[in-house]
Amino acid sequence: MQSICRILGHQRPSGAVWNNGYFFSHCPRCNAELIKAGDGNRWKDVPKGYRITWKPLGEYDIRW
């Protein structure tokens, strides 16, 4: 994480992947993985001990 993200917080991502009520993305500034609940409006760091597994979208996957 860059020091500017530590001070100001992460920059809002332009795109996201939705899965089971959560949005997943990366900070455009420092490339940190971010998560947001579907009913919330604040992006947060992925909790310690958890990891996002990225996979390519399939033909029938929803593209938000």
C-alpha atoms as a PDB file:
ATOM      1  CA  MET A   1       0.000   0.000   0.000  1.00  0.00           C
ATOM      2  CA  GLN A   2       1.333   3.420  -0.918  1.00  0.00           C
ATOM      3  CA  SER A   3       1.670   6.025   1.817  1.00  0.00           C
ATOM      4  CA  ILE A   4      -0.951   8.257   0.149  1.00  0.00           C
ATOM      5  CA  CYS A   5      -3.497   5.429   0.521  1.00  0.00           C
ATOM      6  CA  ARG A   6      -2.524   5.037   4.171  1.00  0.00           C
ATOM      7  CA  ILE A   7      -3.185   8.744   4.770  1.00  0.00           C
ATOM      8  CA  LEU A   8      -6.198   9.468   2.532  1.00  0.00           C
ATOM      9  CA  GLY A   9      -7.648   5.990   2.090  1.00  0.00           C
ATOM     10  CA  HIS A  10      -7.918   3.976  -1.077  1.00  0.00           C
ATOM     11  CA  GLN A  11      -9.083   5.528  -4.326  1.00  0.00           C
ATOM     12  CA  ARG A  12     -12.532   4.410  -5.445  1.00  0.00           C
ATOM     13  CA  PRO A  13     -12.299   1.652  -8.089  1.00  0.00           C
ATOM     14  CA  SER A  14     -13.916   2.178 -11.479  1.00  0.00           C
ATOM     15  CA  GLY A  15     -15.103  -1.402 -11.909  1.00  0.00           C
ATOM     16  CA  ALA A  16     -15.972  -4.319  -9.660  1.00  0.00           C
ATOM     17  CA  VAL A  17     -16.880  -7.986  -9.646  1.00  0.00           C
ATOM     18  CA  TRP A  18     -20.010  -8.985  -7.728  1.00  0.00           C
ATOM     19  CA  ASN A  19     -20.335 -12.352  -5.990  1.00  0.00           C
ATOM     20  CA  ASN A  20     -22.820 -13.487  -3.358  1.00  0.00           C
ATOM     21  CA  GLY A  21     -23.670 -10.001  -2.073  1.00  0.00           C
ATOM     22  CA  TYR A  22     -20.140  -8.557  -2.117  1.00  0.00           C
ATOM     23  CA  PHE A  23     -18.210  -6.441  -4.598  1.00  0.00           C
ATOM     24  CA  PHE A  24     -14.501  -7.088  -5.187  1.00  0.00           C
ATOM     25  CA  SER A  25     -11.984  -4.785  -6.868  1.00  0.00           C
ATOM     26  CA  HIS A  26      -8.503  -3.217  -6.714  1.00  0.00           C
ATOM     27  CA  CYS A  27      -7.393   0.252  -5.652  1.00  0.00           C
ATOM     28  CA  PRO A  28      -6.271   2.069  -8.835  1.00  0.00           C
ATOM     29  CA  ARG A  29      -3.489   3.827  -6.914  1.00  0.00           C
ATOM     30  CA  CYS A  30      -1.792   0.983  -5.003  1.00  0.00           C
ATOM     31  CA  ASN A  31      -3.456  -2.136  -6.496  1.00  0.00           C
ATOM     32  CA  ALA A  32      -4.589  -3.395  -3.054  1.00  0.00           C
ATOM     33  CA  GLU A  33      -7.518  -5.807  -3.110  1.00  0.00           C
ATOM     34  CA  LEU A  34     -10.746  -4.231  -1.828  1.00  0.00           C
ATOM     35  CA  ILE A  35     -14.135  -5.566  -0.746  1.00  0.00           C
ATOM     36  CA  LYS A  36     -17.504  -3.862  -0.273  1.00  0.00           C
ATOM     37  CA  ALA A  37     -20.805  -5.240   1.010  1.00  0.00           C
ATOM     38  CA  GLY A  38     -23.641  -4.920  -1.500  1.00  0.00           C
ATOM     39  CA  ASP A  39     -25.688  -2.748   0.876  1.00  0.00           C
ATOM     40  CA  GLY A  40     -22.763  -0.521   1.942  1.00  0.00           C
ATOM     41  CA  ASN A  41     -20.953   2.268   0.150  1.00  0.00           C
ATOM     42  CA  ARG A  42     -17.459   2.013   1.652  1.00  0.00           C
ATOM     43  CA  TRP A  43     -14.610   0.003   0.156  1.00  0.00           C
ATOM     44  CA  LYS A  44     -12.424  -1.789   2.712  1.00  0.00           C
ATOM     45  CA  ASP A  45      -9.224  -3.828   2.679  1.00  0.00           C
ATOM     46  CA  VAL A  46      -9.710  -7.576   2.575  1.00  0.00           C
ATOM     47  CA  PRO A  47      -9.596  -8.830   6.197  1.00  0.00           C
ATOM     48  CA  LYS A  48      -6.348 -10.389   7.381  1.00  0.00           C
ATOM     49  CA  GLY A  49      -6.257 -14.134   6.835  1.00  0.00           C
ATOM     50  CA  TYR A  50      -8.546 -13.938   3.785  1.00  0.00           C
ATOM     51  CA  ARG A  51      -7.604 -13.913   0.131  1.00  0.00           C
ATOM     52  CA  ILE A  52      -9.534 -13.139  -3.050  1.00  0.00           C
ATOM     53  CA  THR A  53      -9.219 -15.781  -5.738  1.00  0.00           C
ATOM     54  CA  TRP A  54      -9.628 -14.155  -9.143  1.00  0.00           C
ATOM     55  CA  LYS A  55     -10.752 -16.231 -12.120  1.00  0.00           C
ATOM     56  CA  PRO A  56     -11.763 -15.307 -15.656  1.00  0.00           C
ATOM     57  CA  LEU A  57     -15.478 -14.761 -16.246  1.00  0.00           C
ATOM     58  CA  GLY A  58     -17.251 -17.557 -18.068  1.00  0.00           C
ATOM     59  CA  GLU A  59     -19.710 -17.246 -20.914  1.00  0.00           C
ATOM     60  CA  TYR A  60     -22.747 -17.222 -18.592  1.00  0.00           C
ATOM     61  CA  ASP A  61     -21.309 -15.182 -15.724  1.00  0.00           C
ATOM     62  CA  ILE A  62     -22.927 -11.824 -14.962  1.00  0.00           C
ATOM     63  CA  ARG A  63     -20.873  -8.769 -15.971  1.00  0.00           C
ATOM     64  CA  TRP A  64     -21.833  -5.760 -13.869  1.00  0.00           C
END
